[in-house]
Amino acid sequence: MAQNISRTVDFLRQQFDQSEYMSKNPADKKYRLEHTMRVANIGRQIAKGEGLDEEALVIGCLLHDLSYVGTFTSDDDWLNHGRNAAKMARPFLETLDLSQEKVEEICYGIAIHVDDEADFPGERSPLALSIGDCDNIDRFDAYRIHETLKNRAFTDLSCDEQVEYVTNVLERLNKYIDMQMGTETATTLWKERIAFQIEFFNRLQAQLEASVFF
């Protein structure tokens, strides 16, 4: 198991190091690699909680955003990045000590992780679904709060604009909290992350409202 995962990490880093886009955008490279490692560690946690193939899920998580080594020029590039990552990952996966069935399951999970659609047939197995679940769980954890507020230039907004922004975020989060993931472990992790974000933004909203004399 360790050798297949180690080879996958080496392959991933090589692809990022050779990427013209990543060379020109080191901040994006840093974020994408760090996000990928977090997703892989969530995959390890879910695999252990559900009795899934830990090696296969970690490898799928490591390769889920492989297509980001290219340059995205349109919304379609983002929408298709799971399917494109699966195409890019397949030749490498076939060099690992994995069964063809396992290669297909990993590729299918990578392909569907963006919009739940693949361009080839496959099974929506718990492992395949977990690749997208791991990605989503990381996207709604603590780091994403920091990243979102930074990218939104939150501290530069007026207090009224900040309150409006936080109110909209809370409305969205409250809709997300009851979403079901592919496994019980993933659903538990998801609810924990969303609940944390709701608590954070509720506290932020209270502070913002207390920042103005009425």
Protein backbone atom coordinates (compact mmCIF):
# COMPACT_ATOMS: atom_id res chain seq x y z
CA MET A 1 0.00 0.00 0.00
CA ALA A 2 2.70 2.47 0.99
CA GLN A 3 4.55 2.09 -2.31
CA ASN A 4 1.49 2.82 -4.48
CA ILE A 5 0.63 5.89 -2.43
CA SER A 6 4.24 7.10 -2.38
CA ARG A 7 4.45 6.73 -6.16
CA THR A 8 1.20 8.66 -6.54
CA VAL A 9 2.49 11.53 -4.41
CA ASP A 10 5.69 11.63 -6.46
CA PHE A 11 3.69 11.61 -9.71
CA LEU A 12 1.42 14.38 -8.48
CA ARG A 13 4.33 16.60 -7.44
CA GLN A 14 6.08 15.94 -10.75
CA GLN A 15 3.00 16.98 -12.70
CA PHE A 16 2.68 20.17 -10.68
CA ASP A 17 6.39 20.94 -11.00
CA GLN A 18 6.23 20.50 -14.80
CA SER A 19 3.07 22.60 -15.17
CA GLU A 20 3.59 25.91 -16.95
CA TYR A 21 0.49 27.32 -15.26
CA MET A 22 1.63 26.31 -11.78
CA SER A 23 5.12 27.72 -12.42
CA LYS A 24 3.55 31.09 -13.20
CA ASN A 25 1.10 30.89 -10.29
CA PRO A 26 2.98 29.63 -7.22
CA ALA A 27 0.19 30.63 -4.82
CA ASP A 28 -2.26 28.46 -6.75
CA LYS A 29 0.26 25.62 -6.74
CA LYS A 30 0.69 25.89 -2.99
CA TYR A 31 -3.04 25.94 -2.34
CA ARG A 32 -3.88 23.09 -4.72
CA LEU A 33 -1.20 20.78 -3.32
CA GLU A 34 -2.17 21.56 0.27
CA HIS A 35 -5.87 21.09 -0.50
CA THR A 36 -5.08 17.77 -2.18
CA MET A 37 -3.16 16.49 0.83
CA ARG A 38 -5.98 17.49 3.16
CA VAL A 39 -8.50 15.71 0.93
CA ALA A 40 -6.32 12.58 0.94
CA ASN A 41 -6.14 12.63 4.74
CA ILE A 42 -9.92 12.94 4.94
CA GLY A 43 -10.06 9.97 2.57
CA ARG A 44 -7.91 7.97 4.96
CA GLN A 45 -10.27 8.85 7.81
CA ILE A 46 -13.39 7.87 5.86
CA ALA A 47 -11.83 4.63 4.62
CA LYS A 48 -10.98 3.59 8.18
CA GLY A 49 -14.43 4.55 9.44
CA GLU A 50 -16.25 2.65 6.69
CA GLY A 51 -13.91 -0.29 6.07
CA LEU A 52 -13.22 0.88 2.51
CA ASP A 53 -10.02 0.25 0.55
CA GLU A 54 -7.82 2.90 2.16
CA GLU A 55 -5.12 2.75 -0.50
CA ALA A 56 -7.56 3.20 -3.38
CA LEU A 57 -9.45 6.06 -1.73
CA VAL A 58 -6.28 7.94 -0.79
CA ILE A 59 -4.93 7.54 -4.33
CA GLY A 60 -8.21 8.76 -5.82
CA CYS A 61 -8.15 11.79 -3.53
CA LEU A 62 -4.54 12.56 -4.44
CA LEU A 63 -5.40 12.60 -8.14
CA HIS A 64 -8.86 14.18 -8.03
CA ASP A 65 -7.64 17.65 -9.10
CA LEU A 66 -4.84 16.56 -11.41
CA SER A 67 -6.27 18.56 -14.31
CA TYR A 68 -5.48 21.81 -12.50
CA VAL A 69 -1.98 21.53 -13.92
CA GLY A 70 -3.52 22.92 -17.10
CA THR A 71 -4.80 26.43 -17.74
CA PHE A 72 -8.52 26.99 -17.21
CA THR A 73 -9.94 29.54 -19.65
CA SER A 74 -13.70 29.04 -19.21
CA ASP A 75 -16.38 27.80 -16.83
CA ASP A 76 -16.49 24.59 -18.85
CA ASP A 77 -12.86 23.90 -17.95
CA TRP A 78 -13.82 23.98 -14.28
CA LEU A 79 -16.99 21.96 -14.84
CA ASN A 80 -15.07 19.25 -16.70
CA HIS A 81 -12.01 19.17 -14.47
CA GLY A 82 -13.06 15.92 -12.80
CA ARG A 83 -13.57 14.12 -16.09
CA ASN A 84 -10.31 15.55 -17.44
CA ALA A 85 -8.45 14.54 -14.28
CA ALA A 86 -9.74 10.98 -14.67
CA LYS A 87 -8.39 10.84 -18.25
CA MET A 88 -5.02 12.13 -17.10
CA ALA A 89 -4.86 9.81 -14.09
CA ARG A 90 -5.76 6.57 -15.87
CA PRO A 91 -2.42 5.90 -17.65
CA PHE A 92 -0.55 6.43 -14.39
CA LEU A 93 -2.97 4.31 -12.36
CA GLU A 94 -2.43 1.44 -14.77
CA THR A 95 1.28 1.41 -13.85
CA LEU A 96 0.47 0.80 -10.17
CA ASP A 97 -0.08 -2.53 -8.48
CA LEU A 98 -3.86 -2.24 -8.71
CA SER A 99 -6.51 -4.43 -10.27
CA GLN A 100 -8.23 -3.11 -13.40
CA GLU A 101 -11.48 -3.07 -11.43
CA LYS A 102 -9.91 -0.81 -8.82
CA VAL A 103 -8.47 1.50 -11.50
CA GLU A 104 -11.95 1.86 -13.00
CA GLU A 105 -13.49 2.61 -9.60
CA ILE A 106 -10.91 5.29 -8.83
CA CYS A 107 -11.28 6.89 -12.26
CA TYR A 108 -15.05 6.93 -11.98
CA GLY A 109 -14.88 8.57 -8.56
CA ILE A 110 -12.51 11.24 -9.88
CA ALA A 111 -14.70 11.85 -12.95
CA ILE A 112 -17.93 12.40 -10.98
CA HIS A 113 -16.51 14.45 -8.12
CA VAL A 114 -17.50 17.85 -9.59
CA ASP A 115 -21.03 17.48 -10.93
CA ASP A 116 -21.83 13.79 -10.34
CA GLU A 117 -21.44 12.94 -14.02
CA ALA A 118 -18.86 10.87 -15.90
CA ASP A 119 -18.26 10.42 -19.61
CA PHE A 120 -17.88 6.64 -19.24
CA PRO A 121 -19.93 3.99 -17.42
CA GLY A 122 -19.18 3.12 -13.82
CA GLU A 123 -20.60 2.26 -10.44
CA ARG A 124 -21.50 4.86 -7.82
CA SER A 125 -19.82 2.78 -5.15
CA PRO A 126 -19.20 4.15 -1.64
CA LEU A 127 -15.52 4.52 -2.53
CA ALA A 128 -16.22 6.37 -5.78
CA LEU A 129 -18.66 8.71 -4.05
CA SER A 130 -16.21 9.30 -1.22
CA ILE A 131 -13.69 11.07 -3.47
CA GLY A 132 -16.14 13.92 -4.03
CA ASP A 133 -17.23 13.80 -0.39
CA CYS A 134 -13.64 14.26 0.79
CA ASP A 135 -13.23 17.23 -1.55
CA ASN A 136 -16.42 18.88 -0.31
CA ILE A 137 -15.60 18.28 3.35
CA ASP A 138 -12.28 20.09 2.95
CA ARG A 139 -13.91 22.90 0.99
CA PHE A 140 -16.13 23.65 3.99
CA ASP A 141 -13.53 23.43 6.73
CA ALA A 142 -11.69 26.18 8.60
CA TYR A 143 -9.17 27.07 5.89
CA ARG A 144 -11.92 27.85 3.41
CA ILE A 145 -13.34 30.49 5.76
CA HIS A 146 -9.98 32.26 5.72
CA GLU A 147 -9.60 31.88 1.96
CA THR A 148 -13.12 33.07 1.17
CA LEU A 149 -12.95 36.14 3.38
CA LYS A 150 -9.54 37.04 2.00
CA ASN A 151 -10.60 36.67 -1.64
CA ARG A 152 -13.76 38.66 -0.96
CA ALA A 153 -11.62 41.46 0.56
CA PHE A 154 -13.99 41.22 3.50
CA THR A 155 -12.16 43.70 5.71
CA ASP A 156 -12.43 46.35 2.99
CA LEU A 157 -16.24 46.17 2.90
CA SER A 158 -18.45 48.56 4.81
CA CYS A 159 -20.11 47.19 7.93
CA ASP A 160 -23.48 46.99 6.14
CA GLU A 161 -21.89 45.09 3.27
CA GLN A 162 -20.20 42.73 5.72
CA VAL A 163 -23.49 42.01 7.49
CA GLU A 164 -25.23 41.37 4.19
CA TYR A 165 -22.44 39.04 3.07
CA VAL A 166 -22.49 37.05 6.32
CA THR A 167 -26.30 36.81 6.24
CA ASN A 168 -26.14 35.30 2.74
CA VAL A 169 -23.44 32.85 3.81
CA LEU A 170 -25.52 31.69 6.76
CA GLU A 171 -28.58 31.16 4.58
CA ARG A 172 -26.53 28.97 2.28
CA LEU A 173 -24.89 27.01 5.10
CA ASN A 174 -28.21 26.25 6.75
CA LYS A 175 -29.38 24.68 3.49
CA TYR A 176 -26.24 22.54 3.26
CA ILE A 177 -26.16 21.06 6.75
CA ASP A 178 -28.69 18.29 6.04
CA MET A 179 -26.99 17.08 2.87
CA GLN A 180 -26.23 13.36 2.89
CA MET A 181 -22.84 12.10 1.77
CA GLY A 182 -22.01 8.69 0.35
CA THR A 183 -21.21 7.16 3.76
CA GLU A 184 -22.19 7.69 7.39
CA THR A 185 -18.63 8.72 8.29
CA ALA A 186 -18.55 11.37 5.56
CA THR A 187 -21.99 12.65 6.57
CA THR A 188 -20.83 13.03 10.18
CA LEU A 189 -17.69 14.90 9.10
CA TRP A 190 -19.73 17.12 6.77
CA LYS A 191 -22.23 18.07 9.48
CA GLU A 192 -19.37 18.85 11.88
CA ARG A 193 -17.74 21.20 9.34
CA ILE A 194 -20.97 22.97 8.43
CA ALA A 195 -21.94 23.36 12.08
CA PHE A 196 -18.53 24.90 12.78
CA GLN A 197 -18.96 27.38 9.94
CA ILE A 198 -22.47 28.28 11.09
CA GLU A 199 -21.18 28.93 14.60
CA PHE A 200 -18.31 31.05 13.26
CA PHE A 201 -20.49 33.19 11.00
CA ASN A 202 -23.19 33.57 13.66
CA ARG A 203 -20.55 34.94 16.01
CA LEU A 204 -19.13 37.15 13.30
CA GLN A 205 -22.58 38.48 12.50
CA ALA A 206 -23.20 39.28 16.18
CA GLN A 207 -19.89 41.16 16.39
CA LEU A 208 -20.65 43.13 13.25
CA GLU A 209 -24.09 44.10 14.54
CA ALA A 210 -22.50 45.20 17.81
CA SER A 211 -20.04 47.38 15.90
CA VAL A 212 -22.65 50.04 15.16
CA PHE A 213 -24.45 52.36 17.60
CA PHE A 214 -28.21 52.30 17.17
